Amino acid sequence: MSSRRDNIDGWHALFNLPDGNRNRFPEDRFDFRYNDRGENAFTLSDPSSGIGDIQISLARMIGGDSGVLLRAIVKLPTGDADVLAGSGATDLSITVLRRRLTSWRSQQIGYYWGLGLMKVGEPEFLARRSEDWAGLGVVGGSWQPLPKIGLKAQLDFHSRFYDSALDELGKESIQISIGGWWALDDRRTLSFAINEDLIVRTAPDVSLHLSFSWRL
């Protein structure tokens, strides 16, 4: 546990990122508790692992390269809510995205932005504090120095999901992702990214993402 913490602290120190006062608390402790109106609503004191909620995404370009990309996502409750691997509910979201592509010294660069809306399903825990709808936003840029390899940075925003005084539940979130992609061929792409929360305590501190997409 301490080696993991040293790595996370080193990451924050390297880029001068906030760490949510982590160094003020003891190491090797795992204890999640939430009391709502005097009642114990949730307790988790043992580390657990498992499959999280699975997302299925469909996207369609409308109007060609100068048009908009319409993307719909369904999040299925495949994760175990008892160990915080999922919410226990199905969420639906629709996002409208715009992009601009250009070139610089024969290398392709671009930027994109979008807004969306999510219908939040009723979660297994804290259902009476859950918001019915949440707003989404994204803005990012990309650079493709090689024909099949590119780099990108992205900011993601969402409004709060719960009516709570705690930042972890009741505050909007902004996250930054830095990563890239490798086009295996014309239809298959492998992507990776490191994600950091810019508004501390509103999202996982540091997370790694790996995805594989296949266009039909």
Foldseek 3Di string as FASTA:
>chain_A
DVVVVVVLVVVCVVVVADDPPPVVDDPDFAWDWDADPNHTQAIDGDQDDDAAWDKDKDWDFDPPLQGKIKMKIKTHGPADVNNPRYFQFIKIKIKIKHKDWDDDPNKIKIKMKIKMKMQDGQGPTPSVFFDRMKIKMKIKMKIGPDPFKIWMKMKIKMAAGGCDPDLQGHGIWIKMWTWIWGHPDPFKIKIKIWMATRPPNNDDHIDIDIDMGGDD
